Amino acid sequence: MSEQRSQQQDSPLQTERGGTKIEDSVVSKIAGIAAQEVDGVRMGGGTSQAIGGILSNVPGIGGGGQSESRGVSVEVGEVETAVDATLTVAYGKSIPQVAEAVRRNIINRVESLVGLRVTEVNISVNDVFFPEQEQQQQRQREIEQQQQQRQSEQEQRVR
């Protein structure tokens, strides 16, 4: 019991004037952003990336911070947290090096921004992606969107 009190007193979230509770979604979002700061990382697996990409283009549904926390689950206590992250790594990158860089960045960001001690960061790599293919696909999507916009503008002029 006294060990728990001393732990709480050491936490910047527990003061003599009151406590601060950090919601799971906040820790999850920060961990997801931290993971994506590492070069060659996409959050989630192939399916969740595809669904997230589709939903992000739907007005009223897309955005809202969902993409940052995709592939991240957390267990948040009063003074500490554990993080599980599922990610996709760029082909040609060393998976152990990328995983360690992601782990370090998540720990640094969560501990410095949230004030919780990170007890563990478990990383699951479930796919690889090809950056060149992504760039080509993005260019193709942009071209298609421009064509659709031109068509709708022409239709409006005709009316």
C-alpha atoms as a PDB file:
ATOM      1  CA  MET A   1       0.000   0.000   0.000  1.00  0.00           C
ATOM      2  CA  SER A   2       2.768   2.464   0.874  1.00  0.00           C
ATOM      3  CA  GLU A   3       4.581   1.482  -2.363  1.00  0.00           C
ATOM      4  CA  GLN A   4       1.456   2.410  -4.342  1.00  0.00           C
ATOM      5  CA  ARG A   5       1.269   5.794  -2.571  1.00  0.00           C
ATOM      6  CA  SER A   6       4.927   6.564  -3.286  1.00  0.00           C
ATOM      7  CA  GLN A   7       4.400   5.589  -6.941  1.00  0.00           C
ATOM      8  CA  GLN A   8       1.423   7.940  -7.182  1.00  0.00           C
ATOM      9  CA  GLN A   9       3.378  10.766  -5.542  1.00  0.00           C
ATOM     10  CA  ASP A  10       6.177  10.306  -8.093  1.00  0.00           C
ATOM     11  CA  SER A  11       3.720  10.700 -10.968  1.00  0.00           C
ATOM     12  CA  PRO A  12       3.214  14.194 -12.409  1.00  0.00           C
ATOM     13  CA  LEU A  13      -0.422  13.194 -12.908  1.00  0.00           C
ATOM     14  CA  GLN A  14      -1.100  12.681  -9.193  1.00  0.00           C
ATOM     15  CA  THR A  15      -0.593  15.762  -7.036  1.00  0.00           C
ATOM     16  CA  GLU A  16      -1.723  16.802  -3.579  1.00  0.00           C
ATOM     17  CA  ARG A  17      -4.252  19.103  -5.274  1.00  0.00           C
ATOM     18  CA  GLY A  18      -5.812  16.389  -7.401  1.00  0.00           C
ATOM     19  CA  GLY A  19      -5.244  13.862 -10.121  1.00  0.00           C
ATOM     20  CA  THR A  20      -5.240  13.930 -13.899  1.00  0.00           C
ATOM     21  CA  LYS A  21      -6.710  11.012 -15.839  1.00  0.00           C
ATOM     22  CA  ILE A  22      -5.487  10.404 -19.369  1.00  0.00           C
ATOM     23  CA  GLU A  23      -7.950   8.546 -21.598  1.00  0.00           C
ATOM     24  CA  ASP A  24      -6.830   5.509 -23.591  1.00  0.00           C
ATOM     25  CA  SER A  25      -7.640   7.282 -26.861  1.00  0.00           C
ATOM     26  CA  VAL A  26      -5.152  10.068 -26.065  1.00  0.00           C
ATOM     27  CA  VAL A  27      -2.315   7.646 -25.352  1.00  0.00           C
ATOM     28  CA  SER A  28      -3.259   5.586 -28.410  1.00  0.00           C
ATOM     29  CA  LYS A  29      -3.207   8.614 -30.696  1.00  0.00           C
ATOM     30  CA  ILE A  30       0.146   9.868 -29.364  1.00  0.00           C
ATOM     31  CA  ALA A  31       1.672   6.394 -29.713  1.00  0.00           C
ATOM     32  CA  GLY A  32       0.357   6.107 -33.281  1.00  0.00           C
ATOM     33  CA  ILE A  33       1.744   9.490 -34.279  1.00  0.00           C
ATOM     34  CA  ALA A  34       5.082   8.645 -32.648  1.00  0.00           C
ATOM     35  CA  ALA A  35       5.282   5.364 -34.566  1.00  0.00           C
ATOM     36  CA  GLN A  36       4.577   7.112 -37.868  1.00  0.00           C
ATOM     37  CA  GLU A  37       7.360   9.606 -37.209  1.00  0.00           C
ATOM     38  CA  VAL A  38       9.793   6.761 -37.911  1.00  0.00           C
ATOM     39  CA  ASP A  39      10.775   6.559 -41.573  1.00  0.00           C
ATOM     40  CA  GLY A  40       9.329   3.560 -43.401  1.00  0.00           C
ATOM     41  CA  VAL A  41       6.355   2.907 -41.099  1.00  0.00           C
ATOM     42  CA  ARG A  42       2.620   2.739 -41.792  1.00  0.00           C
ATOM     43  CA  MET A  43       0.205   1.904 -39.020  1.00  0.00           C
ATOM     44  CA  GLY A  44      -2.042  -1.127 -39.102  1.00  0.00           C
ATOM     45  CA  GLY A  45      -2.008  -3.952 -41.598  1.00  0.00           C
ATOM     46  CA  GLY A  46      -2.971  -3.992 -45.241  1.00  0.00           C
ATOM     47  CA  THR A  47      -6.714  -4.352 -44.606  1.00  0.00           C
ATOM     48  CA  SER A  48      -6.973  -1.667 -41.922  1.00  0.00           C
ATOM     49  CA  GLN A  49      -4.893   0.691 -44.082  1.00  0.00           C
ATOM     50  CA  ALA A  50      -7.195   0.124 -47.059  1.00  0.00           C
ATOM     51  CA  ILE A  51     -10.370   0.621 -45.027  1.00  0.00           C
ATOM     52  CA  GLY A  52      -8.878   3.660 -43.294  1.00  0.00           C
ATOM     53  CA  GLY A  53      -7.887   5.130 -46.656  1.00  0.00           C
ATOM     54  CA  ILE A  54     -11.414   4.698 -47.995  1.00  0.00           C
ATOM     55  CA  LEU A  55     -13.043   6.137 -44.872  1.00  0.00           C
ATOM     56  CA  SER A  56     -10.682   9.117 -44.797  1.00  0.00           C
ATOM     57  CA  ASN A  57     -12.099  10.199 -48.172  1.00  0.00           C
ATOM     58  CA  VAL A  58     -15.737  10.036 -47.019  1.00  0.00           C
ATOM     59  CA  PRO A  59     -17.024  13.443 -45.856  1.00  0.00           C
ATOM     60  CA  GLY A  60     -18.174  13.432 -42.242  1.00  0.00           C
ATOM     61  CA  ILE A  61     -16.446  10.127 -41.483  1.00  0.00           C
ATOM     62  CA  GLY A  62     -12.839  10.619 -42.525  1.00  0.00           C
ATOM     63  CA  GLY A  63     -10.223  12.258 -40.375  1.00  0.00           C
ATOM     64  CA  GLY A  64     -11.095  12.859 -36.764  1.00  0.00           C
ATOM     65  CA  GLY A  65      -7.848  11.339 -35.570  1.00  0.00           C
ATOM     66  CA  GLN A  66      -8.751   7.748 -36.419  1.00  0.00           C
ATOM     67  CA  SER A  67      -5.763   7.239 -38.719  1.00  0.00           C
ATOM     68  CA  GLU A  68      -3.271   8.197 -36.003  1.00  0.00           C
ATOM     69  CA  SER A  69      -4.437   5.502 -33.619  1.00  0.00           C
ATOM     70  CA  ARG A  70      -5.059   2.803 -36.236  1.00  0.00           C
ATOM     71  CA  GLY A  71      -3.119  -0.319 -35.261  1.00  0.00           C
ATOM     72  CA  VAL A  72      -2.511   0.811 -31.661  1.00  0.00           C
ATOM     73  CA  SER A  73      -4.049  -0.539 -28.485  1.00  0.00           C
ATOM     74  CA  VAL A  74      -3.127   0.549 -24.989  1.00  0.00           C
ATOM     75  CA  GLU A  75      -3.719  -0.317 -21.366  1.00  0.00           C
ATOM     76  CA  VAL A  76      -3.620   2.841 -19.299  1.00  0.00           C
ATOM     77  CA  GLY A  77      -3.296   2.860 -15.520  1.00  0.00           C
ATOM     78  CA  GLU A  78      -2.904   5.730 -13.090  1.00  0.00           C
ATOM     79  CA  VAL A  79       0.870   6.029 -13.470  1.00  0.00           C
ATOM     80  CA  GLU A  80       1.881   3.639 -16.242  1.00  0.00           C
ATOM     81  CA  THR A  81       0.796   2.280 -19.595  1.00  0.00           C
ATOM     82  CA  ALA A  82       1.516  -0.577 -21.983  1.00  0.00           C
ATOM     83  CA  VAL A  83       1.293  -0.219 -25.766  1.00  0.00           C
ATOM     84  CA  ASP A  84       0.700  -2.753 -28.537  1.00  0.00           C
ATOM     85  CA  ALA A  85       1.346  -1.495 -32.078  1.00  0.00           C
ATOM     86  CA  THR A  86       0.665  -3.250 -35.364  1.00  0.00           C
ATOM     87  CA  LEU A  87       2.492  -1.797 -38.321  1.00  0.00           C
ATOM     88  CA  THR A  88       3.639  -2.239 -41.884  1.00  0.00           C
ATOM     89  CA  VAL A  89       7.276  -1.600 -42.812  1.00  0.00           C
ATOM     90  CA  ALA A  90       8.699  -0.359 -46.094  1.00  0.00           C
ATOM     91  CA  TYR A  91      10.346  -3.081 -48.140  1.00  0.00           C
ATOM     92  CA  GLY A  92      14.128  -2.890 -47.842  1.00  0.00           C
ATOM     93  CA  LYS A  93      14.133  -1.542 -44.275  1.00  0.00           C
ATOM     94  CA  SER A  94      15.560  -3.643 -41.450  1.00  0.00           C
ATOM     95  CA  ILE A  95      12.498  -4.740 -39.487  1.00  0.00           C
ATOM     96  CA  PRO A  96      14.371  -5.156 -36.162  1.00  0.00           C
ATOM     97  CA  GLN A  97      15.894  -1.669 -36.509  1.00  0.00           C
ATOM     98  CA  VAL A  98      12.572  -0.089 -37.480  1.00  0.00           C
ATOM     99  CA  ALA A  99      10.794  -1.863 -34.600  1.00  0.00           C
ATOM    100  CA  GLU A 100      13.370  -0.631 -32.092  1.00  0.00           C
ATOM    101  CA  ALA A 101      13.162   2.931 -33.451  1.00  0.00           C
ATOM    102  CA  VAL A 102       9.357   2.816 -33.181  1.00  0.00           C
ATOM    103  CA  ARG A 103       9.576   1.430 -29.632  1.00  0.00           C
ATOM    104  CA  ARG A 104      12.010   4.177 -28.529  1.00  0.00           C
ATOM    105  CA  ASN A 105       9.950   6.933 -30.138  1.00  0.00           C
ATOM    106  CA  ILE A 106       6.678   5.736 -28.606  1.00  0.00           C
ATOM    107  CA  ILE A 107       8.273   5.529 -25.150  1.00  0.00           C
ATOM    108  CA  ASN A 108       9.849   8.991 -25.467  1.00  0.00           C
ATOM    109  CA  ARG A 109       6.679  10.679 -26.745  1.00  0.00           C
ATOM    110  CA  VAL A 110       4.234   9.047 -24.330  1.00  0.00           C
ATOM    111  CA  GLU A 111       6.428   9.593 -21.272  1.00  0.00           C
ATOM    112  CA  SER A 112       7.255  13.212 -22.134  1.00  0.00           C
ATOM    113  CA  LEU A 113       3.836  14.327 -23.428  1.00  0.00           C
ATOM    114  CA  VAL A 114       1.523  12.305 -21.195  1.00  0.00           C
ATOM    115  CA  GLY A 115       3.517  11.761 -18.013  1.00  0.00           C
ATOM    116  CA  LEU A 116       2.824   8.029 -17.818  1.00  0.00           C
ATOM    117  CA  ARG A 117       5.654   5.528 -17.460  1.00  0.00           C
ATOM    118  CA  VAL A 118       5.667   3.101 -20.396  1.00  0.00           C
ATOM    119  CA  THR A 119       6.173  -0.436 -19.105  1.00  0.00           C
ATOM    120  CA  GLU A 120       6.306  -2.128 -22.504  1.00  0.00           C
ATOM    121  CA  VAL A 121       5.785  -1.584 -26.216  1.00  0.00           C
ATOM    122  CA  ASN A 122       4.949  -4.746 -28.135  1.00  0.00           C
ATOM    123  CA  ILE A 123       5.270  -4.439 -31.895  1.00  0.00           C
ATOM    124  CA  SER A 124       3.696  -6.675 -34.491  1.00  0.00           C
ATOM    125  CA  VAL A 125       4.829  -6.272 -38.100  1.00  0.00           C
ATOM    126  CA  ASN A 126       2.243  -7.882 -40.332  1.00  0.00           C
ATOM    127  CA  ASP A 127       3.054  -6.586 -43.806  1.00  0.00           C
ATOM    128  CA  VAL A 128       5.529  -4.750 -45.994  1.00  0.00           C
ATOM    129  CA  PHE A 129       4.782  -1.977 -48.465  1.00  0.00           C
ATOM    130  CA  PHE A 130       6.548  -0.622 -51.516  1.00  0.00           C
ATOM    131  CA  PRO A 131       6.968   3.177 -51.301  1.00  0.00           C
ATOM    132  CA  GLU A 132       7.333   3.552 -55.082  1.00  0.00           C
ATOM    133  CA  GLN A 133       4.023   1.783 -55.674  1.00  0.00           C
ATOM    134  CA  GLU A 134       2.306   4.008 -53.101  1.00  0.00           C
ATOM    135  CA  GLN A 135       3.574   7.148 -54.844  1.00  0.00           C
ATOM    136  CA  GLN A 136       2.328   5.903 -58.223  1.00  0.00           C
ATOM    137  CA  GLN A 137      -1.064   4.996 -56.766  1.00  0.00           C
ATOM    138  CA  GLN A 138      -1.330   8.399 -55.078  1.00  0.00           C
ATOM    139  CA  ARG A 139      -0.540  10.171 -58.364  1.00  0.00           C
ATOM    140  CA  GLN A 140      -3.165   8.080 -60.135  1.00  0.00           C
ATOM    141  CA  ARG A 141      -5.781   8.939 -57.473  1.00  0.00           C
ATOM    142  CA  GLU A 142      -4.972  12.639 -57.803  1.00  0.00           C
ATOM    143  CA  ILE A 143      -5.350  12.480 -61.589  1.00  0.00           C
ATOM    144  CA  GLU A 144      -8.710  10.695 -61.241  1.00  0.00           C
ATOM    145  CA  GLN A 145      -9.935  13.265 -58.723  1.00  0.00           C
ATOM    146  CA  GLN A 146      -8.921  16.122 -61.039  1.00  0.00           C
ATOM    147  CA  GLN A 147     -10.773  14.466 -63.934  1.00  0.00           C
ATOM    148  CA  GLN A 148     -13.898  14.011 -61.800  1.00  0.00           C
ATOM    149  CA  GLN A 149     -13.728  17.635 -60.691  1.00  0.00           C
ATOM    150  CA  ARG A 150     -13.419  18.835 -64.311  1.00  0.00           C
ATOM    151  CA  GLN A 151     -16.380  16.677 -65.343  1.00  0.00           C
ATOM    152  CA  SER A 152     -18.581  18.046 -62.577  1.00  0.00           C
ATOM    153  CA  GLU A 153     -17.562  21.619 -63.450  1.00  0.00           C
ATOM    154  CA  GLN A 154     -18.433  21.000 -67.118  1.00  0.00           C
ATOM    155  CA  GLU A 155     -21.790  19.495 -66.127  1.00  0.00           C
ATOM    156  CA  GLN A 156     -22.562  22.545 -63.994  1.00  0.00           C
ATOM    157  CA  ARG A 157     -21.735  24.899 -66.903  1.00  0.00           C
ATOM    158  CA  VAL A 158     -24.046  22.984 -69.230  1.00  0.00           C
ATOM    159  CA  ARG A 159     -26.938  23.367 -66.786  1.00  0.00           C
END
